[in-house]
Structures are given as structure tokens and as C-alpha cells.
Amino acid sequence: MTQNKKGNYLLPILMMIALFAMISFVTGLTNPIGVIVKHQFHAAEWMTQLGNFANFIAYACMGYPAGLLLQKKGYKYTALLAIAIGFVGVGIQFLSGNAAADMAFWVYLIGCFISGFSMCLLNSVVNPMLNTLGGGGIKGNQLIQTGGTFNSISATIVPVFVGYLIGSNVETATINNAAPALFIAMGIFALAFIVLFLMRIPEPYLAETKEDKNDKYSALSFRHFRFGIIAIFVYVGVEVGIPNFVNLLLTTSPSIADGAKGIGMDAAAAGSIVGTYWFLMMIGRLFGSTLGGKFSAKSQLTFTATLGMIFVLIGIFTPLTVQVAMPVFHGGESMGFGLQTVPMSVMFFILCGLCTSIMWGGIFNLAVEGIGKYTSMASGIFMIMVCGGGILPLVQGGVVTATENYLYGYWIIFAAMAYMLWYALQGCKNVNTDIPVN
């Protein structure tokens, strides 16, 4: 693609950036809607995570096929298919708000699962497509970083926006309350589909590839890669589990006779606090990209995992009665930054966003170090392991249900961070240097 043709791709570039944002928007909907599920369907704590589980378990089913589809059919076909599936998935989530009472929850889960297929496909295509539309090099990387920024902004907005839609009547809220957010997602999907369908997209890497059937090795032949995919599995669970259960802790009534007791905060205020977690992730990514050239991936992961473990321990052992004033981003009529009184535990859980922000990149870089030609296969396997974002919070919810204590659920987060620290210190060492990688 030549320099003078880049301007022709302005609309597709804008749509790809919008879809980059939609990945976190649609995925993030399961967090505040989990609060609705808890009350509308009288669900146990672990059941509030089933929408999140359905969304992420789709990655386990679609991760590897997504890579093959991209290779065989190209960017445009894969993107259009992902957008169409996303429209259907979000639409089914909306229909669950009007389904029969005994079926509504299951319809919602089906919508989350189908949405997960779309998010997996989009994750596979938006990064390389933005790089290609930008002509590669510095411009391509700038577009990817821009997409990542909008992804973080979207993740920050969604809990604030849905919390505002729910309002103060958490116990009477239904999925219909979140309908405006679902309509926005469907509208962006529809617009992106039309634009991409009408535009010509470069396909520089669409070609038949020949496999070496005599190659007895694969990415899984490397011990440090096997440990790395476990690290990425628990990482996504940590990234999702921390804010999900902060939201539940804040919005659950403290007067419930049985089950885990919470703070009893209205959903709008809780959404602002949870949104701050994603805002801190964006700040962390900005610092991470700036400091990436000065500190190795191993050093960054070691530091963030250690700091995250400290934050989580403080959060677990600090009584909920200890309150602090925390700066958060408010939605609604008083939109802007302000102070919100929260338990100190919650503040330290939210601060973990600074740590989780750069863990993905650090783990990925360490896991693929020295595996050469097997890196493409490794990327597909990594996408499969994103399903940890659905499985680990489900385990965390099981601990909360069993102990009737939200703080105890964060021992799962602590254990996951401890594994990532071990991986940074020991597990990332390549002991299979005898395997040819060229």
C-alpha cells in the first residue's frame, strides 16, 4: 500500500477504532448487568458471573478458528462476520429483557455467549487491520495505540453509563434499564458493517500457507510458553474479577439476612467507582508504553504483580468500616471528577487497575520470547486462554457464596497474582533453546 492511498481508508480506520472501543464496551456490559441479574433473577453471587462466563468461554471455542478464518478469508470477511455476530448477540441480550420470566435469564446467557464469539473475532482482526490500514511501521503502531486508548475509555464509560441507567433503584432494576446501552452497541455495529462492506480493504497477507507436516514441534513444545498461557488465563480473570466484585460489593444491601453483605450504594455511584478502575488501566498503559523502552517485560511484570499483591492484601484485611475519600469520575447531571466516600478496601482494589494495565503485554512478550516461527500459532492459543476471564470470576463468586464474604473472594485474585509473579521470576525462562525456530 502506497503513501498516497492511506487517506482512502479514513472511514475504515475510524470504524476499526470504534470497534476497538466496542470490544471493551460489550464485554464490560456483563459487569453492571450482573448487578441487575442478582436482583431481577434472585441469583447467587456466582450466578451473577454467568453472563461474563458465557462471554469469555466463547474465546475457548473460537480462539483458534478465528486465526484460521483470518488467514483463509482475510480482514474484511472476518470483520464483517464479527460485526454481524456482535449485532445478533447484543440484540438477543436486549430481547432477554422482554422474554418470559422463566426463560429471560437463559436468553440473556445465550446473547452473552454469541457476543463472546464476536469479541473473539474482533480481537483477532482489529490490531492487524489497523496496522495494515495505517501502512505499517510507526503510523500503523500509532493507530493501534489510538485504538487501545479508545478501548480503555470505553471500558471506563460503560459501568458509569449503565450505573446511571439503573439509578438508585437497584433492587427493582431489570435488563430493560440497560436497553439504551445495548441500542448504542447495535447502532455502532450496524454503521461499521455498512462502511466496511462498501469500502475496499487491503489484504496484503491473504495467501495460501503451506504447513510443514514433518515439524514435530509447536508453540506448546516450549515450557515457558505453556506456563505463559496459564499466566494469561489467570491474568484475564484478575482483570475482570476485581471490578466485577467491587460492583457487587458496593451495590449489595448490608441488611440482607443471609448471603454476602455489601455496602448498599446506588448503582450510579458504584459505576463511577468501577469506571475509575478502567480509567487507571488507561493511565497505566500510557506509562507502560513510555517506560517500555527502559524496563524489560520481566521487570515490569515482577513489579506490577508484587504491587498488586500488596494492594489486594490491604484490601482483604482492612475492615469495610474504614472509609476514605476517593477521586472518581461521575456520570449523569454532575458529570466530572469528584470525591466519593468508599471503604479503604475498595480503593486499594481499584488501584489494582494500575497494575493490571500492562500485565497482558508483559506476559505475552515473555511467553513468545525465543519461539520464532511458532509465534503465530502462539497468538491463537493465547486467544483461547482469554476464557480465564469467565472461569476465574466464577470461582471467585463460588468463594463469596461459600464464605458469605466479598473480601474473601479476593484470595483468588491474590493467588493468581502470586502465580504471575512466579512466572516473571522463574516460569518465563526458556529451557528449550535446542528447538529450531527459524
Protein backbone atom coordinates (compact mmCIF):
# COMPACT_ATOMS: atom_id res chain seq x y z
CA MET A 1 0.00 0.00 0.00
CA THR A 2 1.48 3.33 -1.01
CA GLN A 3 1.50 6.53 0.95
CA ASN A 4 -0.98 8.36 -1.27
CA LYS A 5 -3.61 5.69 -0.76
CA LYS A 6 -3.72 5.86 3.01
CA GLY A 7 -6.27 8.67 3.06
CA ASN A 8 -8.74 6.46 1.23
CA TYR A 9 -9.04 4.34 4.37
CA LEU A 10 -10.10 7.10 6.79
CA LEU A 11 -13.62 5.73 7.29
CA PRO A 12 -12.50 2.10 7.80
CA ILE A 13 -9.85 3.35 10.24
CA LEU A 14 -12.50 5.24 12.21
CA MET A 15 -14.73 2.16 12.21
CA MET A 16 -11.89 -0.07 13.40
CA ILE A 17 -11.15 2.33 16.25
CA ALA A 18 -14.87 2.34 17.09
CA LEU A 19 -14.87 -1.48 17.08
CA PHE A 20 -11.76 -1.44 19.28
CA ALA A 21 -13.87 0.53 21.76
CA MET A 22 -16.84 -1.81 21.28
CA ILE A 23 -14.78 -4.80 22.41
CA SER A 24 -14.48 -3.37 25.91
CA PHE A 25 -17.98 -1.83 25.82
CA VAL A 26 -19.82 -5.07 25.01
CA THR A 27 -17.55 -7.16 27.25
CA GLY A 28 -17.89 -4.63 30.08
CA LEU A 29 -21.70 -4.71 29.95
CA THR A 30 -21.71 -8.03 31.82
CA ASN A 31 -20.31 -6.26 34.90
CA PRO A 32 -23.11 -3.75 35.65
CA ILE A 33 -25.75 -6.05 34.18
CA GLY A 34 -24.51 -8.65 36.69
CA VAL A 35 -25.89 -6.32 39.38
CA ILE A 36 -29.27 -6.41 37.61
CA VAL A 37 -29.11 -10.20 37.28
CA LYS A 38 -28.51 -10.54 41.03
CA HIS A 39 -31.78 -8.79 41.87
CA GLN A 40 -34.01 -9.49 38.87
CA PHE A 41 -33.37 -13.25 38.94
CA HIS A 42 -32.56 -13.54 42.68
CA ALA A 43 -29.23 -15.06 41.69
CA ALA A 44 -26.43 -16.23 43.97
CA GLU A 45 -23.11 -14.40 43.76
CA TRP A 46 -21.53 -17.00 41.49
CA MET A 47 -24.53 -16.88 39.14
CA THR A 48 -24.06 -13.14 38.60
CA GLN A 49 -20.85 -14.08 36.76
CA LEU A 50 -22.51 -16.48 34.32
CA GLY A 51 -23.02 -13.76 31.71
CA ASN A 52 -19.35 -12.91 31.98
CA PHE A 53 -18.53 -16.65 31.85
CA ALA A 54 -20.65 -17.17 28.72
CA ASN A 55 -18.94 -14.23 27.03
CA PHE A 56 -15.40 -15.38 27.75
CA ILE A 57 -15.89 -19.12 27.32
CA ALA A 58 -16.69 -18.34 23.67
CA TYR A 59 -12.99 -17.49 23.30
CA ALA A 60 -12.12 -21.09 24.17
CA CYS A 61 -14.37 -22.26 21.34
CA MET A 62 -13.45 -19.62 18.77
CA GLY A 63 -9.88 -18.54 19.54
CA TYR A 64 -8.03 -20.90 17.21
CA PRO A 65 -10.69 -20.95 14.44
CA ALA A 66 -10.58 -17.13 14.45
CA GLY A 67 -6.91 -17.22 13.47
CA LEU A 68 -7.58 -19.72 10.71
CA LEU A 69 -10.51 -17.67 9.41
CA LEU A 70 -8.39 -14.53 9.30
CA GLN A 71 -5.69 -16.42 7.42
CA LYS A 72 -8.03 -18.01 4.87
CA LYS A 73 -10.66 -15.29 4.36
CA GLY A 74 -8.84 -12.08 5.21
CA TYR A 75 -9.55 -8.95 7.23
CA LYS A 76 -12.74 -7.71 5.58
CA TYR A 77 -14.63 -11.00 5.66
CA THR A 78 -13.63 -11.70 9.26
CA ALA A 79 -14.50 -8.19 10.41
CA LEU A 80 -17.91 -8.24 8.70
CA LEU A 81 -18.71 -11.64 10.19
CA ALA A 82 -17.65 -10.47 13.65
CA ILE A 83 -19.80 -7.34 13.39
CA ALA A 84 -22.86 -9.30 12.25
CA ILE A 85 -22.47 -11.81 15.08
CA GLY A 86 -21.99 -8.96 17.57
CA PHE A 87 -25.21 -7.28 16.40
CA VAL A 88 -27.13 -10.53 16.88
CA GLY A 89 -25.57 -11.24 20.28
CA VAL A 90 -26.33 -7.80 21.72
CA GLY A 91 -29.81 -7.95 20.17
CA ILE A 92 -30.53 -11.21 21.97
CA GLN A 93 -29.38 -9.65 25.25
CA PHE A 94 -31.93 -6.88 24.66
CA LEU A 95 -34.68 -9.41 23.88
CA SER A 96 -33.99 -11.14 27.20
CA GLY A 97 -35.48 -8.10 28.90
CA ASN A 98 -38.83 -8.89 27.25
CA ALA A 99 -38.71 -12.70 27.39
CA ALA A 100 -40.87 -14.85 29.65
CA ALA A 101 -39.75 -14.75 33.27
CA ASP A 102 -38.70 -18.41 33.33
CA MET A 103 -36.64 -18.01 30.13
CA ALA A 104 -35.22 -14.49 30.38
CA PHE A 105 -32.02 -15.44 32.20
CA TRP A 106 -31.20 -18.19 29.71
CA VAL A 107 -31.90 -15.90 26.75
CA TYR A 108 -29.53 -13.38 28.29
CA LEU A 109 -26.79 -16.01 28.66
CA ILE A 110 -27.22 -17.07 25.03
CA GLY A 111 -26.82 -13.45 23.97
CA CYS A 112 -23.63 -13.15 26.04
CA PHE A 113 -22.22 -16.33 24.51
CA ILE A 114 -22.90 -15.17 20.95
CA SER A 115 -21.43 -11.75 21.78
CA GLY A 116 -18.32 -13.56 23.01
CA PHE A 117 -17.85 -15.12 19.55
CA SER A 118 -17.95 -11.62 18.06
CA MET A 119 -15.49 -10.19 20.59
CA CYS A 120 -13.05 -13.03 19.91
CA LEU A 121 -13.19 -12.42 16.16
CA LEU A 122 -12.83 -8.66 16.62
CA ASN A 123 -9.84 -9.12 18.92
CA SER A 124 -8.21 -11.21 16.21
CA VAL A 125 -8.77 -8.70 13.42
CA VAL A 126 -8.70 -5.11 14.74
CA ASN A 127 -5.00 -4.98 15.68
CA PRO A 128 -3.53 -6.28 12.40
CA MET A 129 -6.18 -4.47 10.34
CA LEU A 130 -5.40 -1.09 11.92
CA ASN A 131 -1.71 -1.72 11.36
CA THR A 132 -2.36 -2.51 7.70
CA LEU A 133 -4.71 0.45 7.15
CA GLY A 134 -2.01 2.71 8.60
CA GLY A 135 0.59 1.30 6.22
CA GLY A 136 2.52 -0.48 8.98
CA GLY A 137 5.52 0.98 10.74
CA ILE A 138 5.15 3.99 13.02
CA LYS A 139 1.78 5.03 11.56
CA GLY A 140 0.33 1.56 11.99
CA ASN A 141 1.54 1.37 15.58
CA GLN A 142 0.08 4.82 16.29
CA LEU A 143 -3.32 3.65 15.08
CA ILE A 144 -3.15 0.57 17.29
CA GLN A 145 -2.23 2.70 20.31
CA THR A 146 -5.10 5.05 19.46
CA GLY A 147 -7.45 2.08 19.30
CA GLY A 148 -6.17 0.87 22.66
CA THR A 149 -6.82 4.28 24.18
CA PHE A 150 -10.42 4.29 22.99
CA ASN A 151 -10.76 0.73 24.26
CA SER A 152 -9.80 1.93 27.75
CA ILE A 153 -12.04 4.99 27.53
CA SER A 154 -14.97 2.78 26.57
CA ALA A 155 -14.26 0.43 29.47
CA THR A 156 -14.26 3.45 31.79
CA ILE A 157 -17.58 4.76 30.48
CA VAL A 158 -19.69 1.59 30.41
CA PRO A 159 -20.08 0.98 34.18
CA VAL A 160 -20.71 4.71 34.73
CA PHE A 161 -23.30 4.85 31.94
CA VAL A 162 -25.17 1.65 32.89
CA GLY A 163 -25.00 2.60 36.57
CA TYR A 164 -26.68 5.89 35.65
CA LEU A 165 -29.35 3.98 33.70
CA ILE A 166 -30.03 1.73 36.69
CA GLY A 167 -30.13 4.66 39.11
CA SER A 168 -30.80 4.25 42.81
CA ASN A 169 -33.48 1.55 42.50
CA VAL A 170 -31.06 -1.35 42.16
CA GLU A 171 -33.38 -3.97 43.63
CA THR A 172 -36.14 -3.24 41.09
CA ALA A 173 -33.92 -2.80 38.03
CA THR A 174 -34.31 -5.10 35.03
CA ILE A 175 -32.29 -5.70 31.89
CA ASN A 176 -34.61 -3.26 30.12
CA ASN A 177 -32.98 -0.49 32.14
CA ALA A 178 -29.75 -1.18 30.21
CA ALA A 179 -31.54 -1.07 26.82
CA PRO A 180 -30.07 2.31 25.74
CA ALA A 181 -26.54 0.94 26.13
CA LEU A 182 -27.47 -2.13 24.08
CA PHE A 183 -29.03 0.06 21.37
CA ILE A 184 -25.85 2.13 21.13
CA ALA A 185 -23.80 -1.03 20.64
CA MET A 186 -26.15 -2.33 17.94
CA GLY A 187 -26.13 1.04 16.17
CA ILE A 188 -22.33 1.19 16.02
CA PHE A 189 -22.20 -2.41 14.77
CA ALA A 190 -24.71 -1.62 12.01
CA LEU A 191 -22.85 1.52 10.91
CA ALA A 192 -19.47 -0.25 10.93
CA PHE A 193 -20.89 -3.11 8.84
CA ILE A 194 -22.21 -0.76 6.17
CA VAL A 195 -18.98 1.26 5.96
CA LEU A 196 -16.69 -1.77 5.77
CA PHE A 197 -18.95 -3.55 3.29
CA LEU A 198 -18.78 -0.62 0.88
CA MET A 199 -15.04 0.02 1.24
CA ARG A 200 -12.10 -1.75 -0.36
CA ILE A 201 -9.75 -3.11 2.31
CA PRO A 202 -6.12 -4.08 1.64
CA GLU A 203 -5.37 -7.78 2.16
CA PRO A 204 -1.57 -7.98 1.95
CA TYR A 205 -1.30 -11.20 3.92
CA LEU A 206 -4.18 -13.15 2.41
CA ALA A 207 -2.45 -16.13 0.87
CA GLU A 208 -2.34 -19.87 0.99
CA THR A 209 0.16 -21.15 3.50
CA LYS A 210 1.87 -24.50 3.47
CA GLU A 211 2.34 -26.41 6.67
CA ASP A 212 5.46 -28.38 7.39
CA LYS A 213 3.97 -31.75 8.26
CA ASN A 214 7.38 -33.05 9.26
CA ASP A 215 7.76 -30.46 12.01
CA LYS A 216 7.37 -32.34 15.29
CA TYR A 217 7.41 -29.16 17.38
CA SER A 218 4.83 -26.48 18.15
CA ALA A 219 4.45 -23.48 20.42
CA LEU A 220 3.40 -25.89 23.17
CA SER A 221 6.79 -27.59 22.95
CA PHE A 222 8.24 -24.64 24.90
CA ARG A 223 7.91 -24.93 28.66
CA HIS A 224 7.94 -21.17 29.23
CA PHE A 225 5.11 -20.77 26.72
CA ARG A 226 2.99 -23.41 28.48
CA PHE A 227 3.46 -21.58 31.76
CA GLY A 228 2.77 -18.33 29.92
CA ILE A 229 -0.66 -19.33 28.67
CA ILE A 230 -1.61 -20.27 32.24
CA ALA A 231 -0.41 -16.81 33.27
CA ILE A 232 -2.58 -15.15 30.61
CA PHE A 233 -5.54 -17.32 31.70
CA VAL A 234 -5.34 -16.13 35.31
CA TYR A 235 -4.47 -12.57 34.25
CA VAL A 236 -7.72 -12.05 32.33
CA GLY A 237 -9.59 -13.50 35.30
CA VAL A 238 -7.88 -10.98 37.57
CA GLU A 239 -8.56 -8.06 35.23
CA VAL A 240 -12.28 -8.90 35.11
CA GLY A 241 -12.81 -10.25 38.64
CA ILE A 242 -11.52 -7.22 40.52
CA PRO A 243 -14.05 -4.65 39.20
CA ASN A 244 -16.93 -7.13 38.91
CA PHE A 245 -16.93 -7.93 42.60
CA VAL A 246 -16.26 -4.35 43.64
CA ASN A 247 -19.51 -3.50 41.86
CA LEU A 248 -21.39 -6.29 43.62
CA LEU A 249 -19.87 -5.40 46.99
CA LEU A 250 -20.89 -1.77 46.63
CA THR A 251 -24.44 -2.35 45.37
CA THR A 252 -25.47 -5.26 47.62
CA SER A 253 -27.57 -4.29 50.62
CA PRO A 254 -25.88 -4.53 54.05
CA SER A 255 -29.14 -5.70 55.62
CA ILE A 256 -29.56 -9.00 53.76
CA ALA A 257 -30.27 -11.70 56.31
CA ASP A 258 -28.29 -14.37 54.51
CA GLY A 259 -25.64 -14.29 51.83
CA ALA A 260 -22.76 -11.88 51.36
CA LYS A 261 -23.40 -8.42 52.78
CA GLY A 262 -22.41 -5.28 50.94
CA ILE A 263 -22.37 -1.51 51.24
CA GLY A 264 -25.78 -0.66 49.81
CA MET A 265 -24.58 2.09 47.45
CA ASP A 266 -26.70 3.13 44.48
CA ALA A 267 -25.67 1.75 41.08
CA ALA A 268 -24.70 5.13 39.59
CA ALA A 269 -22.17 5.87 42.33
CA ALA A 270 -20.84 2.30 42.21
CA GLY A 271 -20.49 2.54 38.43
CA SER A 272 -18.38 5.69 38.81
CA ILE A 273 -16.05 3.89 41.21
CA VAL A 274 -15.72 0.83 38.97
CA GLY A 275 -15.18 3.09 35.97
CA THR A 276 -12.21 4.57 37.80
CA TYR A 277 -10.56 1.12 37.76
CA TRP A 278 -10.65 1.10 33.95
CA PHE A 279 -9.50 4.74 33.86
CA LEU A 280 -6.46 3.77 35.94
CA MET A 281 -5.80 0.93 33.47
CA MET A 282 -5.65 3.52 30.71
CA ILE A 283 -3.21 5.64 32.76
CA GLY A 284 -1.11 2.56 33.45
CA ARG A 285 -0.94 1.71 29.75
CA LEU A 286 0.22 5.22 28.92
CA PHE A 287 3.01 4.98 31.49
CA GLY A 288 3.80 1.43 30.40
CA SER A 289 4.27 2.45 26.78
CA THR A 290 6.50 5.33 27.89
CA LEU A 291 8.66 3.21 30.19
CA GLY A 292 8.65 0.12 27.97
CA GLY A 293 11.96 1.05 26.39
CA LYS A 294 13.66 1.45 29.77
CA PHE A 295 12.43 -1.60 31.67
CA SER A 296 12.15 -5.20 30.46
CA ALA A 297 8.86 -7.10 30.34
CA LYS A 298 10.18 -9.29 33.16
CA SER A 299 10.89 -6.27 35.38
CA GLN A 300 7.51 -4.69 34.63
CA LEU A 301 5.58 -7.88 35.36
CA THR A 302 7.58 -8.53 38.54
CA PHE A 303 6.87 -5.03 39.83
CA THR A 304 3.17 -4.90 38.94
CA ALA A 305 2.42 -8.40 40.26
CA THR A 306 4.18 -7.60 43.57
CA LEU A 307 2.42 -4.25 43.93
CA GLY A 308 -0.91 -5.81 43.01
CA MET A 309 -0.49 -8.50 45.69
CA ILE A 310 0.21 -5.79 48.28
CA PHE A 311 -2.90 -3.83 47.22
CA VAL A 312 -5.08 -6.95 47.39
CA LEU A 313 -3.79 -7.93 50.84
CA ILE A 314 -4.51 -4.45 52.18
CA GLY A 315 -7.98 -4.68 50.65
CA ILE A 316 -8.72 -8.07 52.21
CA PHE A 317 -7.53 -7.21 55.73
CA THR A 318 -8.88 -3.65 56.00
CA PRO A 319 -12.38 -3.59 57.60
CA LEU A 320 -15.13 -2.20 55.40
CA THR A 321 -15.92 0.30 58.15
CA VAL A 322 -12.67 2.17 57.40
CA GLN A 323 -13.70 4.85 54.91
CA VAL A 324 -11.68 7.19 52.67
CA ALA A 325 -12.49 9.92 50.13
CA MET A 326 -11.53 8.67 46.69
CA PRO A 327 -11.43 10.72 43.45
CA VAL A 328 -13.77 9.18 40.86
CA PHE A 329 -15.36 10.13 37.54
CA HIS A 330 -19.06 10.91 38.00
CA GLY A 331 -21.69 10.44 35.28
CA GLY A 332 -25.15 11.94 34.97
CA GLU A 333 -26.01 15.59 35.57
CA SER A 334 -22.91 16.19 37.73
CA MET A 335 -20.51 14.74 35.15
CA GLY A 336 -16.87 15.29 36.05
CA PHE A 337 -14.30 14.30 38.64
CA GLY A 338 -15.14 14.45 42.33
CA LEU A 339 -14.62 12.74 45.66
CA GLN A 340 -16.61 9.68 46.70
CA THR A 341 -16.53 8.13 50.17
CA VAL A 342 -15.70 4.42 49.87
CA PRO A 343 -14.25 1.67 52.07
CA MET A 344 -10.46 1.74 52.01
CA SER A 345 -10.57 -1.88 50.81
CA VAL A 346 -12.42 -0.79 47.68
CA MET A 347 -9.90 1.97 46.98
CA PHE A 348 -7.00 -0.49 47.02
CA PHE A 349 -8.86 -2.95 44.81
CA ILE A 350 -9.48 -0.12 42.33
CA LEU A 351 -5.81 0.88 42.46
CA CYS A 352 -5.00 -2.58 41.09
CA GLY A 353 -6.02 -1.17 37.70
CA LEU A 354 -2.60 0.48 37.55
CA CYS A 355 -1.03 -2.97 37.89
CA THR A 356 -3.25 -5.00 35.57
CA SER A 357 -2.86 -2.40 32.81
CA ILE A 358 0.47 -3.70 31.48
CA MET A 359 0.35 -7.34 32.54
CA TRP A 360 -1.03 -8.67 29.24
CA GLY A 361 1.80 -7.24 27.17
CA GLY A 362 4.44 -8.37 29.65
CA ILE A 363 3.14 -11.94 29.79
CA PHE A 364 2.78 -12.17 26.01
CA ASN A 365 6.29 -10.90 25.36
CA LEU A 366 7.84 -13.29 27.87
CA ALA A 367 5.83 -16.27 26.61
CA VAL A 368 6.76 -15.87 22.92
CA GLU A 369 10.39 -14.94 23.56
CA GLY A 370 12.61 -17.25 21.54
CA ILE A 371 9.85 -19.29 19.83
CA GLY A 372 10.38 -17.72 16.38
CA LYS A 373 8.20 -19.22 13.65
CA TYR A 374 5.75 -20.60 16.21
CA THR A 375 4.63 -17.11 17.30
CA SER A 376 1.56 -17.06 15.01
CA MET A 377 0.31 -20.33 16.44
CA ALA A 378 1.03 -18.97 19.93
CA SER A 379 -1.22 -15.95 19.28
CA GLY A 380 -4.17 -18.21 18.51
CA ILE A 381 -3.61 -20.23 21.68
CA PHE A 382 -3.40 -17.01 23.69
CA MET A 383 -6.81 -16.01 22.37
CA ILE A 384 -8.25 -19.32 23.58
CA MET A 385 -6.90 -18.72 27.09
CA VAL A 386 -8.81 -15.44 27.34
CA CYS A 387 -11.62 -17.69 28.61
CA GLY A 388 -9.99 -17.27 32.03
CA GLY A 389 -11.91 -14.01 32.21
CA GLY A 390 -15.08 -16.06 32.54
CA ILE A 391 -13.84 -19.00 34.60
CA LEU A 392 -11.81 -17.31 37.35
CA PRO A 393 -14.57 -14.82 38.36
CA LEU A 394 -16.94 -17.79 38.53
CA VAL A 395 -14.56 -19.42 41.04
CA GLN A 396 -14.28 -16.13 42.88
CA GLY A 397 -18.08 -15.96 43.06
CA GLY A 398 -18.15 -19.51 44.42
CA VAL A 399 -15.81 -18.47 47.26
CA VAL A 400 -18.01 -15.45 48.02
CA THR A 401 -21.12 -17.61 48.09
CA ALA A 402 -19.49 -20.24 50.31
CA THR A 403 -17.97 -17.76 52.79
CA GLU A 404 -20.69 -15.08 52.56
CA ASN A 405 -17.89 -12.51 52.40
CA TYR A 406 -16.92 -10.48 49.33
CA LEU A 407 -13.42 -9.79 50.64
CA TYR A 408 -12.59 -13.50 50.92
CA GLY A 409 -13.22 -13.88 47.20
CA TYR A 410 -10.16 -11.73 46.58
CA TRP A 411 -7.91 -14.54 47.82
CA ILE A 412 -8.45 -15.98 44.32
CA ILE A 413 -7.11 -12.71 42.89
CA PHE A 414 -4.13 -12.84 45.26
CA ALA A 415 -3.29 -16.43 44.27
CA ALA A 416 -3.49 -15.53 40.56
CA MET A 417 -1.15 -12.57 41.04
CA ALA A 418 1.25 -14.79 43.00
CA TYR A 419 1.39 -17.15 40.02
CA MET A 420 2.14 -14.24 37.67
CA LEU A 421 4.95 -13.13 39.99
CA TRP A 422 6.40 -16.66 39.94
CA TYR A 423 6.15 -16.68 36.15
CA ALA A 424 8.04 -13.40 35.90
CA LEU A 425 10.79 -14.67 38.23
CA GLN A 426 11.13 -18.32 37.17
CA GLY A 427 8.50 -19.65 34.79
CA CYS A 428 9.43 -17.39 31.86
CA LYS A 429 12.91 -18.90 31.42
CA ASN A 430 13.32 -20.63 28.05
CA VAL A 431 14.76 -24.09 28.75
CA ASN A 432 14.02 -25.38 25.22
CA THR A 433 16.70 -23.50 23.29
CA ASP A 434 17.53 -26.68 21.36
CA ILE A 435 14.29 -26.46 19.34
CA PRO A 436 14.88 -24.88 15.87
CA VAL A 437 12.71 -21.77 15.45
CA ASN A 438 13.75 -20.44 12.02
